């Protein structure tokens, strides 16, 4: 187990697509 921090980083295109789907 790890205690998660930020910044959290992701490749931009799949990150944007995931957030748009989450919003929908």
PDBML (XML) file of the C-alpha atoms, coordinates in Angstrom:
<?xml version="1.0" encoding="UTF-8" ?>
<PDBx:datablock datablockName="MODEL"
   xmlns:PDBx="http://pdbml.pdb.org/schema/pdbx-v50.xsd"
   xmlns:xsi="http://www.w3.org/2001/XMLSchema-instance"
   xsi:schemaLocation="http://pdbml.pdb.org/schema/pdbx-v50.xsd pdbx-v50.xsd">
   <PDBx:atom_siteCategory>
      <PDBx:atom_site id="1">
         <PDBx:B_iso_or_equiv>0.00</PDBx:B_iso_or_equiv>
         <PDBx:Cartn_x>0.000</PDBx:Cartn_x>
         <PDBx:Cartn_y>0.000</PDBx:Cartn_y>
         <PDBx:Cartn_z>0.000</PDBx:Cartn_z>
         <PDBx:auth_asym_id>A</PDBx:auth_asym_id>
         <PDBx:auth_atom_id>CA</PDBx:auth_atom_id>
         <PDBx:auth_comp_id>UNK</PDBx:auth_comp_id>
         <PDBx:auth_seq_id>1</PDBx:auth_seq_id>
         <PDBx:group_PDB>ATOM</PDBx:group_PDB>
         <PDBx:label_alt_id xsi:nil="true" />
         <PDBx:label_asym_id>A</PDBx:label_asym_id>
         <PDBx:label_atom_id>CA</PDBx:label_atom_id>
         <PDBx:label_comp_id>UNK</PDBx:label_comp_id>
         <PDBx:label_entity_id>1</PDBx:label_entity_id>
         <PDBx:label_seq_id>1</PDBx:label_seq_id>
         <PDBx:occupancy>1.00</PDBx:occupancy>
         <PDBx:pdbx_PDB_model_num>1</PDBx:pdbx_PDB_model_num>
         <PDBx:type_symbol>C</PDBx:type_symbol>
      </PDBx:atom_site>
      <PDBx:atom_site id="2">
         <PDBx:B_iso_or_equiv>0.00</PDBx:B_iso_or_equiv>
         <PDBx:Cartn_x>1.128</PDBx:Cartn_x>
         <PDBx:Cartn_y>3.533</PDBx:Cartn_y>
         <PDBx:Cartn_z>-0.752</PDBx:Cartn_z>
         <PDBx:auth_asym_id>A</PDBx:auth_asym_id>
         <PDBx:auth_atom_id>CA</PDBx:auth_atom_id>
         <PDBx:auth_comp_id>UNK</PDBx:auth_comp_id>
         <PDBx:auth_seq_id>2</PDBx:auth_seq_id>
         <PDBx:group_PDB>ATOM</PDBx:group_PDB>
         <PDBx:label_alt_id xsi:nil="true" />
         <PDBx:label_asym_id>A</PDBx:label_asym_id>
         <PDBx:label_atom_id>CA</PDBx:label_atom_id>
         <PDBx:label_comp_id>UNK</PDBx:label_comp_id>
         <PDBx:label_entity_id>1</PDBx:label_entity_id>
         <PDBx:label_seq_id>2</PDBx:label_seq_id>
         <PDBx:occupancy>1.00</PDBx:occupancy>
         <PDBx:pdbx_PDB_model_num>1</PDBx:pdbx_PDB_model_num>
         <PDBx:type_symbol>C</PDBx:type_symbol>
      </PDBx:atom_site>
      <PDBx:atom_site id="3">
         <PDBx:B_iso_or_equiv>0.00</PDBx:B_iso_or_equiv>
         <PDBx:Cartn_x>-0.185</PDBx:Cartn_x>
         <PDBx:Cartn_y>6.940</PDBx:Cartn_y>
         <PDBx:Cartn_z>0.292</PDBx:Cartn_z>
         <PDBx:auth_asym_id>A</PDBx:auth_asym_id>
         <PDBx:auth_atom_id>CA</PDBx:auth_atom_id>
         <PDBx:auth_comp_id>UNK</PDBx:auth_comp_id>
         <PDBx:auth_seq_id>3</PDBx:auth_seq_id>
         <PDBx:group_PDB>ATOM</PDBx:group_PDB>
         <PDBx:label_alt_id xsi:nil="true" />
         <PDBx:label_asym_id>A</PDBx:label_asym_id>
         <PDBx:label_atom_id>CA</PDBx:label_atom_id>
         <PDBx:label_comp_id>UNK</PDBx:label_comp_id>
         <PDBx:label_entity_id>1</PDBx:label_entity_id>
         <PDBx:label_seq_id>3</PDBx:label_seq_id>
         <PDBx:occupancy>1.00</PDBx:occupancy>
         <PDBx:pdbx_PDB_model_num>1</PDBx:pdbx_PDB_model_num>
         <PDBx:type_symbol>C</PDBx:type_symbol>
      </PDBx:atom_site>
      <PDBx:atom_site id="4">
         <PDBx:B_iso_or_equiv>0.00</PDBx:B_iso_or_equiv>
         <PDBx:Cartn_x>-0.918</PDBx:Cartn_x>
         <PDBx:Cartn_y>8.689</PDBx:Cartn_y>
         <PDBx:Cartn_z>-2.992</PDBx:Cartn_z>
         <PDBx:auth_asym_id>A</PDBx:auth_asym_id>
         <PDBx:auth_atom_id>CA</PDBx:auth_atom_id>
         <PDBx:auth_comp_id>UNK</PDBx:auth_comp_id>
         <PDBx:auth_seq_id>4</PDBx:auth_seq_id>
         <PDBx:group_PDB>ATOM</PDBx:group_PDB>
         <PDBx:label_alt_id xsi:nil="true" />
         <PDBx:label_asym_id>A</PDBx:label_asym_id>
         <PDBx:label_atom_id>CA</PDBx:label_atom_id>
         <PDBx:label_comp_id>UNK</PDBx:label_comp_id>
         <PDBx:label_entity_id>1</PDBx:label_entity_id>
         <PDBx:label_seq_id>4</PDBx:label_seq_id>
         <PDBx:occupancy>1.00</PDBx:occupancy>
         <PDBx:pdbx_PDB_model_num>1</PDBx:pdbx_PDB_model_num>
         <PDBx:type_symbol>C</PDBx:type_symbol>
      </PDBx:atom_site>
      <PDBx:atom_site id="5">
         <PDBx:B_iso_or_equiv>0.00</PDBx:B_iso_or_equiv>
         <PDBx:Cartn_x>0.129</PDBx:Cartn_x>
         <PDBx:Cartn_y>12.287</PDBx:Cartn_y>
         <PDBx:Cartn_z>-3.646</PDBx:Cartn_z>
         <PDBx:auth_asym_id>A</PDBx:auth_asym_id>
         <PDBx:auth_atom_id>CA</PDBx:auth_atom_id>
         <PDBx:auth_comp_id>UNK</PDBx:auth_comp_id>
         <PDBx:auth_seq_id>5</PDBx:auth_seq_id>
         <PDBx:group_PDB>ATOM</PDBx:group_PDB>
         <PDBx:label_alt_id xsi:nil="true" />
         <PDBx:label_asym_id>A</PDBx:label_asym_id>
         <PDBx:label_atom_id>CA</PDBx:label_atom_id>
         <PDBx:label_comp_id>UNK</PDBx:label_comp_id>
         <PDBx:label_entity_id>1</PDBx:label_entity_id>
         <PDBx:label_seq_id>5</PDBx:label_seq_id>
         <PDBx:occupancy>1.00</PDBx:occupancy>
         <PDBx:pdbx_PDB_model_num>1</PDBx:pdbx_PDB_model_num>
         <PDBx:type_symbol>C</PDBx:type_symbol>
      </PDBx:atom_site>
      <PDBx:atom_site id="6">
         <PDBx:B_iso_or_equiv>0.00</PDBx:B_iso_or_equiv>
         <PDBx:Cartn_x>0.014</PDBx:Cartn_x>
         <PDBx:Cartn_y>14.714</PDBx:Cartn_y>
         <PDBx:Cartn_z>-6.548</PDBx:Cartn_z>
         <PDBx:auth_asym_id>A</PDBx:auth_asym_id>
         <PDBx:auth_atom_id>CA</PDBx:auth_atom_id>
         <PDBx:auth_comp_id>UNK</PDBx:auth_comp_id>
         <PDBx:auth_seq_id>6</PDBx:auth_seq_id>
         <PDBx:group_PDB>ATOM</PDBx:group_PDB>
         <PDBx:label_alt_id xsi:nil="true" />
         <PDBx:label_asym_id>A</PDBx:label_asym_id>
         <PDBx:label_atom_id>CA</PDBx:label_atom_id>
         <PDBx:label_comp_id>UNK</PDBx:label_comp_id>
         <PDBx:label_entity_id>1</PDBx:label_entity_id>
         <PDBx:label_seq_id>6</PDBx:label_seq_id>
         <PDBx:occupancy>1.00</PDBx:occupancy>
         <PDBx:pdbx_PDB_model_num>1</PDBx:pdbx_PDB_model_num>
         <PDBx:type_symbol>C</PDBx:type_symbol>
      </PDBx:atom_site>
      <PDBx:atom_site id="7">
         <PDBx:B_iso_or_equiv>0.00</PDBx:B_iso_or_equiv>
         <PDBx:Cartn_x>1.059</PDBx:Cartn_x>
         <PDBx:Cartn_y>15.671</PDBx:Cartn_y>
         <PDBx:Cartn_z>-9.195</PDBx:Cartn_z>
         <PDBx:auth_asym_id>A</PDBx:auth_asym_id>
         <PDBx:auth_atom_id>CA</PDBx:auth_atom_id>
         <PDBx:auth_comp_id>UNK</PDBx:auth_comp_id>
         <PDBx:auth_seq_id>7</PDBx:auth_seq_id>
         <PDBx:group_PDB>ATOM</PDBx:group_PDB>
         <PDBx:label_alt_id xsi:nil="true" />
         <PDBx:label_asym_id>A</PDBx:label_asym_id>
         <PDBx:label_atom_id>CA</PDBx:label_atom_id>
         <PDBx:label_comp_id>UNK</PDBx:label_comp_id>
         <PDBx:label_entity_id>1</PDBx:label_entity_id>
         <PDBx:label_seq_id>7</PDBx:label_seq_id>
         <PDBx:occupancy>1.00</PDBx:occupancy>
         <PDBx:pdbx_PDB_model_num>1</PDBx:pdbx_PDB_model_num>
         <PDBx:type_symbol>C</PDBx:type_symbol>
      </PDBx:atom_site>
      <PDBx:atom_site id="8">
         <PDBx:B_iso_or_equiv>0.00</PDBx:B_iso_or_equiv>
         <PDBx:Cartn_x>-0.458</PDBx:Cartn_x>
         <PDBx:Cartn_y>12.765</PDBx:Cartn_y>
         <PDBx:Cartn_z>-11.085</PDBx:Cartn_z>
         <PDBx:auth_asym_id>A</PDBx:auth_asym_id>
         <PDBx:auth_atom_id>CA</PDBx:auth_atom_id>
         <PDBx:auth_comp_id>UNK</PDBx:auth_comp_id>
         <PDBx:auth_seq_id>8</PDBx:auth_seq_id>
         <PDBx:group_PDB>ATOM</PDBx:group_PDB>
         <PDBx:label_alt_id xsi:nil="true" />
         <PDBx:label_asym_id>A</PDBx:label_asym_id>
         <PDBx:label_atom_id>CA</PDBx:label_atom_id>
         <PDBx:label_comp_id>UNK</PDBx:label_comp_id>
         <PDBx:label_entity_id>1</PDBx:label_entity_id>
         <PDBx:label_seq_id>8</PDBx:label_seq_id>
         <PDBx:occupancy>1.00</PDBx:occupancy>
         <PDBx:pdbx_PDB_model_num>1</PDBx:pdbx_PDB_model_num>
         <PDBx:type_symbol>C</PDBx:type_symbol>
      </PDBx:atom_site>
      <PDBx:atom_site id="9">
         <PDBx:B_iso_or_equiv>0.00</PDBx:B_iso_or_equiv>
         <PDBx:Cartn_x>0.558</PDBx:Cartn_x>
         <PDBx:Cartn_y>12.627</PDBx:Cartn_y>
         <PDBx:Cartn_z>-14.730</PDBx:Cartn_z>
         <PDBx:auth_asym_id>A</PDBx:auth_asym_id>
         <PDBx:auth_atom_id>CA</PDBx:auth_atom_id>
         <PDBx:auth_comp_id>UNK</PDBx:auth_comp_id>
         <PDBx:auth_seq_id>9</PDBx:auth_seq_id>
         <PDBx:group_PDB>ATOM</PDBx:group_PDB>
         <PDBx:label_alt_id xsi:nil="true" />
         <PDBx:label_asym_id>A</PDBx:label_asym_id>
         <PDBx:label_atom_id>CA</PDBx:label_atom_id>
         <PDBx:label_comp_id>UNK</PDBx:label_comp_id>
         <PDBx:label_entity_id>1</PDBx:label_entity_id>
         <PDBx:label_seq_id>9</PDBx:label_seq_id>
         <PDBx:occupancy>1.00</PDBx:occupancy>
         <PDBx:pdbx_PDB_model_num>1</PDBx:pdbx_PDB_model_num>
         <PDBx:type_symbol>C</PDBx:type_symbol>
      </PDBx:atom_site>
      <PDBx:atom_site id="10">
         <PDBx:B_iso_or_equiv>0.00</PDBx:B_iso_or_equiv>
         <PDBx:Cartn_x>-0.943</PDBx:Cartn_x>
         <PDBx:Cartn_y>10.995</PDBx:Cartn_y>
         <PDBx:Cartn_z>-17.825</PDBx:Cartn_z>
         <PDBx:auth_asym_id>A</PDBx:auth_asym_id>
         <PDBx:auth_atom_id>CA</PDBx:auth_atom_id>
         <PDBx:auth_comp_id>UNK</PDBx:auth_comp_id>
         <PDBx:auth_seq_id>10</PDBx:auth_seq_id>
         <PDBx:group_PDB>ATOM</PDBx:group_PDB>
         <PDBx:label_alt_id xsi:nil="true" />
         <PDBx:label_asym_id>A</PDBx:label_asym_id>
         <PDBx:label_atom_id>CA</PDBx:label_atom_id>
         <PDBx:label_comp_id>UNK</PDBx:label_comp_id>
         <PDBx:label_entity_id>1</PDBx:label_entity_id>
         <PDBx:label_seq_id>10</PDBx:label_seq_id>
         <PDBx:occupancy>1.00</PDBx:occupancy>
         <PDBx:pdbx_PDB_model_num>1</PDBx:pdbx_PDB_model_num>
         <PDBx:type_symbol>C</PDBx:type_symbol>
      </PDBx:atom_site>
      <PDBx:atom_site id="11">
         <PDBx:B_iso_or_equiv>0.00</PDBx:B_iso_or_equiv>
         <PDBx:Cartn_x>-0.615</PDBx:Cartn_x>
         <PDBx:Cartn_y>11.141</PDBx:Cartn_y>
         <PDBx:Cartn_z>-21.565</PDBx:Cartn_z>
         <PDBx:auth_asym_id>A</PDBx:auth_asym_id>
         <PDBx:auth_atom_id>CA</PDBx:auth_atom_id>
         <PDBx:auth_comp_id>UNK</PDBx:auth_comp_id>
         <PDBx:auth_seq_id>11</PDBx:auth_seq_id>
         <PDBx:group_PDB>ATOM</PDBx:group_PDB>
         <PDBx:label_alt_id xsi:nil="true" />
         <PDBx:label_asym_id>A</PDBx:label_asym_id>
         <PDBx:label_atom_id>CA</PDBx:label_atom_id>
         <PDBx:label_comp_id>UNK</PDBx:label_comp_id>
         <PDBx:label_entity_id>1</PDBx:label_entity_id>
         <PDBx:label_seq_id>11</PDBx:label_seq_id>
         <PDBx:occupancy>1.00</PDBx:occupancy>
         <PDBx:pdbx_PDB_model_num>1</PDBx:pdbx_PDB_model_num>
         <PDBx:type_symbol>C</PDBx:type_symbol>
      </PDBx:atom_site>
      <PDBx:atom_site id="12">
         <PDBx:B_iso_or_equiv>0.00</PDBx:B_iso_or_equiv>
         <PDBx:Cartn_x>-2.867</PDBx:Cartn_x>
         <PDBx:Cartn_y>13.953</PDBx:Cartn_y>
         <PDBx:Cartn_z>-22.604</PDBx:Cartn_z>
         <PDBx:auth_asym_id>A</PDBx:auth_asym_id>
         <PDBx:auth_atom_id>CA</PDBx:auth_atom_id>
         <PDBx:auth_comp_id>UNK</PDBx:auth_comp_id>
         <PDBx:auth_seq_id>12</PDBx:auth_seq_id>
         <PDBx:group_PDB>ATOM</PDBx:group_PDB>
         <PDBx:label_alt_id xsi:nil="true" />
         <PDBx:label_asym_id>A</PDBx:label_asym_id>
         <PDBx:label_atom_id>CA</PDBx:label_atom_id>
         <PDBx:label_comp_id>UNK</PDBx:label_comp_id>
         <PDBx:label_entity_id>1</PDBx:label_entity_id>
         <PDBx:label_seq_id>12</PDBx:label_seq_id>
         <PDBx:occupancy>1.00</PDBx:occupancy>
         <PDBx:pdbx_PDB_model_num>1</PDBx:pdbx_PDB_model_num>
         <PDBx:type_symbol>C</PDBx:type_symbol>
      </PDBx:atom_site>
      <PDBx:atom_site id="13">
         <PDBx:B_iso_or_equiv>0.00</PDBx:B_iso_or_equiv>
         <PDBx:Cartn_x>-5.170</PDBx:Cartn_x>
         <PDBx:Cartn_y>12.446</PDBx:Cartn_y>
         <PDBx:Cartn_z>-25.240</PDBx:Cartn_z>
         <PDBx:auth_asym_id>A</PDBx:auth_asym_id>
         <PDBx:auth_atom_id>CA</PDBx:auth_atom_id>
         <PDBx:auth_comp_id>UNK</PDBx:auth_comp_id>
         <PDBx:auth_seq_id>13</PDBx:auth_seq_id>
         <PDBx:group_PDB>ATOM</PDBx:group_PDB>
         <PDBx:label_alt_id xsi:nil="true" />
         <PDBx:label_asym_id>A</PDBx:label_asym_id>
         <PDBx:label_atom_id>CA</PDBx:label_atom_id>
         <PDBx:label_comp_id>UNK</PDBx:label_comp_id>
         <PDBx:label_entity_id>1</PDBx:label_entity_id>
         <PDBx:label_seq_id>13</PDBx:label_seq_id>
         <PDBx:occupancy>1.00</PDBx:occupancy>
         <PDBx:pdbx_PDB_model_num>1</PDBx:pdbx_PDB_model_num>
         <PDBx:type_symbol>C</PDBx:type_symbol>
      </PDBx:atom_site>
      <PDBx:atom_site id="14">
         <PDBx:B_iso_or_equiv>0.00</PDBx:B_iso_or_equiv>
         <PDBx:Cartn_x>-6.430</PDBx:Cartn_x>
         <PDBx:Cartn_y>9.443</PDBx:Cartn_y>
         <PDBx:Cartn_z>-23.230</PDBx:Cartn_z>
         <PDBx:auth_asym_id>A</PDBx:auth_asym_id>
         <PDBx:auth_atom_id>CA</PDBx:auth_atom_id>
         <PDBx:auth_comp_id>UNK</PDBx:auth_comp_id>
         <PDBx:auth_seq_id>14</PDBx:auth_seq_id>
         <PDBx:group_PDB>ATOM</PDBx:group_PDB>
         <PDBx:label_alt_id xsi:nil="true" />
         <PDBx:label_asym_id>A</PDBx:label_asym_id>
         <PDBx:label_atom_id>CA</PDBx:label_atom_id>
         <PDBx:label_comp_id>UNK</PDBx:label_comp_id>
         <PDBx:label_entity_id>1</PDBx:label_entity_id>
         <PDBx:label_seq_id>14</PDBx:label_seq_id>
         <PDBx:occupancy>1.00</PDBx:occupancy>
         <PDBx:pdbx_PDB_model_num>1</PDBx:pdbx_PDB_model_num>
         <PDBx:type_symbol>C</PDBx:type_symbol>
      </PDBx:atom_site>
      <PDBx:atom_site id="15">
         <PDBx:B_iso_or_equiv>0.00</PDBx:B_iso_or_equiv>
         <PDBx:Cartn_x>-6.696</PDBx:Cartn_x>
         <PDBx:Cartn_y>11.652</PDBx:Cartn_y>
         <PDBx:Cartn_z>-20.132</PDBx:Cartn_z>
         <PDBx:auth_asym_id>A</PDBx:auth_asym_id>
         <PDBx:auth_atom_id>CA</PDBx:auth_atom_id>
         <PDBx:auth_comp_id>UNK</PDBx:auth_comp_id>
         <PDBx:auth_seq_id>15</PDBx:auth_seq_id>
         <PDBx:group_PDB>ATOM</PDBx:group_PDB>
         <PDBx:label_alt_id xsi:nil="true" />
         <PDBx:label_asym_id>A</PDBx:label_asym_id>
         <PDBx:label_atom_id>CA</PDBx:label_atom_id>
         <PDBx:label_comp_id>UNK</PDBx:label_comp_id>
         <PDBx:label_entity_id>1</PDBx:label_entity_id>
         <PDBx:label_seq_id>15</PDBx:label_seq_id>
         <PDBx:occupancy>1.00</PDBx:occupancy>
         <PDBx:pdbx_PDB_model_num>1</PDBx:pdbx_PDB_model_num>
         <PDBx:type_symbol>C</PDBx:type_symbol>
      </PDBx:atom_site>
      <PDBx:atom_site id="16">
         <PDBx:B_iso_or_equiv>0.00</PDBx:B_iso_or_equiv>
         <PDBx:Cartn_x>-8.962</PDBx:Cartn_x>
         <PDBx:Cartn_y>14.144</PDBx:Cartn_y>
         <PDBx:Cartn_z>-21.894</PDBx:Cartn_z>
         <PDBx:auth_asym_id>A</PDBx:auth_asym_id>
         <PDBx:auth_atom_id>CA</PDBx:auth_atom_id>
         <PDBx:auth_comp_id>UNK</PDBx:auth_comp_id>
         <PDBx:auth_seq_id>16</PDBx:auth_seq_id>
         <PDBx:group_PDB>ATOM</PDBx:group_PDB>
         <PDBx:label_alt_id xsi:nil="true" />
         <PDBx:label_asym_id>A</PDBx:label_asym_id>
         <PDBx:label_atom_id>CA</PDBx:label_atom_id>
         <PDBx:label_comp_id>UNK</PDBx:label_comp_id>
         <PDBx:label_entity_id>1</PDBx:label_entity_id>
         <PDBx:label_seq_id>16</PDBx:label_seq_id>
         <PDBx:occupancy>1.00</PDBx:occupancy>
         <PDBx:pdbx_PDB_model_num>1</PDBx:pdbx_PDB_model_num>
         <PDBx:type_symbol>C</PDBx:type_symbol>
      </PDBx:atom_site>
      <PDBx:atom_site id="17">
         <PDBx:B_iso_or_equiv>0.00</PDBx:B_iso_or_equiv>
         <PDBx:Cartn_x>-11.061</PDBx:Cartn_x>
         <PDBx:Cartn_y>11.348</PDBx:Cartn_y>
         <PDBx:Cartn_z>-23.428</PDBx:Cartn_z>
         <PDBx:auth_asym_id>A</PDBx:auth_asym_id>
         <PDBx:auth_atom_id>CA</PDBx:auth_atom_id>
         <PDBx:auth_comp_id>UNK</PDBx:auth_comp_id>
         <PDBx:auth_seq_id>17</PDBx:auth_seq_id>
         <PDBx:group_PDB>ATOM</PDBx:group_PDB>
         <PDBx:label_alt_id xsi:nil="true" />
         <PDBx:label_asym_id>A</PDBx:label_asym_id>
         <PDBx:label_atom_id>CA</PDBx:label_atom_id>
         <PDBx:label_comp_id>UNK</PDBx:label_comp_id>
         <PDBx:label_entity_id>1</PDBx:label_entity_id>
         <PDBx:label_seq_id>17</PDBx:label_seq_id>
         <PDBx:occupancy>1.00</PDBx:occupancy>
         <PDBx:pdbx_PDB_model_num>1</PDBx:pdbx_PDB_model_num>
         <PDBx:type_symbol>C</PDBx:type_symbol>
      </PDBx:atom_site>
      <PDBx:atom_site id="18">
         <PDBx:B_iso_or_equiv>0.00</PDBx:B_iso_or_equiv>
         <PDBx:Cartn_x>-11.497</PDBx:Cartn_x>
         <PDBx:Cartn_y>9.652</PDBx:Cartn_y>
         <PDBx:Cartn_z>-20.044</PDBx:Cartn_z>
         <PDBx:auth_asym_id>A</PDBx:auth_asym_id>
         <PDBx:auth_atom_id>CA</PDBx:auth_atom_id>
         <PDBx:auth_comp_id>UNK</PDBx:auth_comp_id>
         <PDBx:auth_seq_id>18</PDBx:auth_seq_id>
         <PDBx:group_PDB>ATOM</PDBx:group_PDB>
         <PDBx:label_alt_id xsi:nil="true" />
         <PDBx:label_asym_id>A</PDBx:label_asym_id>
         <PDBx:label_atom_id>CA</PDBx:label_atom_id>
         <PDBx:label_comp_id>UNK</PDBx:label_comp_id>
         <PDBx:label_entity_id>1</PDBx:label_entity_id>
         <PDBx:label_seq_id>18</PDBx:label_seq_id>
         <PDBx:occupancy>1.00</PDBx:occupancy>
         <PDBx:pdbx_PDB_model_num>1</PDBx:pdbx_PDB_model_num>
         <PDBx:type_symbol>C</PDBx:type_symbol>
      </PDBx:atom_site>
      <PDBx:atom_site id="19">
         <PDBx:B_iso_or_equiv>0.00</PDBx:B_iso_or_equiv>
         <PDBx:Cartn_x>-12.669</PDBx:Cartn_x>
         <PDBx:Cartn_y>12.858</PDBx:Cartn_y>
         <PDBx:Cartn_z>-18.398</PDBx:Cartn_z>
         <PDBx:auth_asym_id>A</PDBx:auth_asym_id>
         <PDBx:auth_atom_id>CA</PDBx:auth_atom_id>
         <PDBx:auth_comp_id>UNK</PDBx:auth_comp_id>
         <PDBx:auth_seq_id>19</PDBx:auth_seq_id>
         <PDBx:group_PDB>ATOM</PDBx:group_PDB>
         <PDBx:label_alt_id xsi:nil="true" />
         <PDBx:label_asym_id>A</PDBx:label_asym_id>
         <PDBx:label_atom_id>CA</PDBx:label_atom_id>
         <PDBx:label_comp_id>UNK</PDBx:label_comp_id>
         <PDBx:label_entity_id>1</PDBx:label_entity_id>
         <PDBx:label_seq_id>19</PDBx:label_seq_id>
         <PDBx:occupancy>1.00</PDBx:occupancy>
         <PDBx:pdbx_PDB_model_num>1</PDBx:pdbx_PDB_model_num>
         <PDBx:type_symbol>C</PDBx:type_symbol>
      </PDBx:atom_site>
      <PDBx:atom_site id="20">
         <PDBx:B_iso_or_equiv>0.00</PDBx:B_iso_or_equiv>
         <PDBx:Cartn_x>-15.136</PDBx:Cartn_x>
         <PDBx:Cartn_y>13.642</PDBx:Cartn_y>
         <PDBx:Cartn_z>-21.147</PDBx:Cartn_z>
         <PDBx:auth_asym_id>A</PDBx:auth_asym_id>
         <PDBx:auth_atom_id>CA</PDBx:auth_atom_id>
         <PDBx:auth_comp_id>UNK</PDBx:auth_comp_id>
         <PDBx:auth_seq_id>20</PDBx:auth_seq_id>
         <PDBx:group_PDB>ATOM</PDBx:group_PDB>
         <PDBx:label_alt_id xsi:nil="true" />
         <PDBx:label_asym_id>A</PDBx:label_asym_id>
         <PDBx:label_atom_id>CA</PDBx:label_atom_id>
         <PDBx:label_comp_id>UNK</PDBx:label_comp_id>
         <PDBx:label_entity_id>1</PDBx:label_entity_id>
         <PDBx:label_seq_id>20</PDBx:label_seq_id>
         <PDBx:occupancy>1.00</PDBx:occupancy>
         <PDBx:pdbx_PDB_model_num>1</PDBx:pdbx_PDB_model_num>
         <PDBx:type_symbol>C</PDBx:type_symbol>
      </PDBx:atom_site>
      <PDBx:atom_site id="21">
         <PDBx:B_iso_or_equiv>0.00</PDBx:B_iso_or_equiv>
         <PDBx:Cartn_x>-16.593</PDBx:Cartn_x>
         <PDBx:Cartn_y>10.136</PDBx:Cartn_y>
         <PDBx:Cartn_z>-20.818</PDBx:Cartn_z>
         <PDBx:auth_asym_id>A</PDBx:auth_asym_id>
         <PDBx:auth_atom_id>CA</PDBx:auth_atom_id>
         <PDBx:auth_comp_id>UNK</PDBx:auth_comp_id>
         <PDBx:auth_seq_id>21</PDBx:auth_seq_id>
         <PDBx:group_PDB>ATOM</PDBx:group_PDB>
         <PDBx:label_alt_id xsi:nil="true" />
         <PDBx:label_asym_id>A</PDBx:label_asym_id>
         <PDBx:label_atom_id>CA</PDBx:label_atom_id>
         <PDBx:label_comp_id>UNK</PDBx:label_comp_id>
         <PDBx:label_entity_id>1</PDBx:label_entity_id>
         <PDBx:label_seq_id>21</PDBx:label_seq_id>
         <PDBx:occupancy>1.00</PDBx:occupancy>
         <PDBx:pdbx_PDB_model_num>1</PDBx:pdbx_PDB_model_num>
         <PDBx:type_symbol>C</PDBx:type_symbol>
      </PDBx:atom_site>
      <PDBx:atom_site id="22">
         <PDBx:B_iso_or_equiv>0.00</PDBx:B_iso_or_equiv>
         <PDBx:Cartn_x>-16.721</PDBx:Cartn_x>
         <PDBx:Cartn_y>10.504</PDBx:Cartn_y>
         <PDBx:Cartn_z>-17.052</PDBx:Cartn_z>
         <PDBx:auth_asym_id>A</PDBx:auth_asym_id>
         <PDBx:auth_atom_id>CA</PDBx:auth_atom_id>
         <PDBx:auth_comp_id>UNK</PDBx:auth_comp_id>
         <PDBx:auth_seq_id>22</PDBx:auth_seq_id>
         <PDBx:group_PDB>ATOM</PDBx:group_PDB>
         <PDBx:label_alt_id xsi:nil="true" />
         <PDBx:label_asym_id>A</PDBx:label_asym_id>
         <PDBx:label_atom_id>CA</PDBx:label_atom_id>
         <PDBx:label_comp_id>UNK</PDBx:label_comp_id>
         <PDBx:label_entity_id>1</PDBx:label_entity_id>
         <PDBx:label_seq_id>22</PDBx:label_seq_id>
         <PDBx:occupancy>1.00</PDBx:occupancy>
         <PDBx:pdbx_PDB_model_num>1</PDBx:pdbx_PDB_model_num>
         <PDBx:type_symbol>C</PDBx:type_symbol>
      </PDBx:atom_site>
      <PDBx:atom_site id="23">
         <PDBx:B_iso_or_equiv>0.00</PDBx:B_iso_or_equiv>
         <PDBx:Cartn_x>-18.648</PDBx:Cartn_x>
         <PDBx:Cartn_y>13.764</PDBx:Cartn_y>
         <PDBx:Cartn_z>-17.446</PDBx:Cartn_z>
         <PDBx:auth_asym_id>A</PDBx:auth_asym_id>
         <PDBx:auth_atom_id>CA</PDBx:auth_atom_id>
         <PDBx:auth_comp_id>UNK</PDBx:auth_comp_id>
         <PDBx:auth_seq_id>23</PDBx:auth_seq_id>
         <PDBx:group_PDB>ATOM</PDBx:group_PDB>
         <PDBx:label_alt_id xsi:nil="true" />
         <PDBx:label_asym_id>A</PDBx:label_asym_id>
         <PDBx:label_atom_id>CA</PDBx:label_atom_id>
         <PDBx:label_comp_id>UNK</PDBx:label_comp_id>
         <PDBx:label_entity_id>1</PDBx:label_entity_id>
         <PDBx:label_seq_id>23</PDBx:label_seq_id>
         <PDBx:occupancy>1.00</PDBx:occupancy>
         <PDBx:pdbx_PDB_model_num>1</PDBx:pdbx_PDB_model_num>
         <PDBx:type_symbol>C</PDBx:type_symbol>
      </PDBx:atom_site>
      <PDBx:atom_site id="24">
         <PDBx:B_iso_or_equiv>0.00</PDBx:B_iso_or_equiv>
         <PDBx:Cartn_x>-21.108</PDBx:Cartn_x>
         <PDBx:Cartn_y>12.132</PDBx:Cartn_y>
         <PDBx:Cartn_z>-19.835</PDBx:Cartn_z>
         <PDBx:auth_asym_id>A</PDBx:auth_asym_id>
         <PDBx:auth_atom_id>CA</PDBx:auth_atom_id>
         <PDBx:auth_comp_id>UNK</PDBx:auth_comp_id>
         <PDBx:auth_seq_id>24</PDBx:auth_seq_id>
         <PDBx:group_PDB>ATOM</PDBx:group_PDB>
         <PDBx:label_alt_id xsi:nil="true" />
         <PDBx:label_asym_id>A</PDBx:label_asym_id>
         <PDBx:label_atom_id>CA</PDBx:label_atom_id>
         <PDBx:label_comp_id>UNK</PDBx:label_comp_id>
         <PDBx:label_entity_id>1</PDBx:label_entity_id>
         <PDBx:label_seq_id>24</PDBx:label_seq_id>
         <PDBx:occupancy>1.00</PDBx:occupancy>
         <PDBx:pdbx_PDB_model_num>1</PDBx:pdbx_PDB_model_num>
         <PDBx:type_symbol>C</PDBx:type_symbol>
      </PDBx:atom_site>
   </PDBx:atom_siteCategory>
</PDBx:datablock>
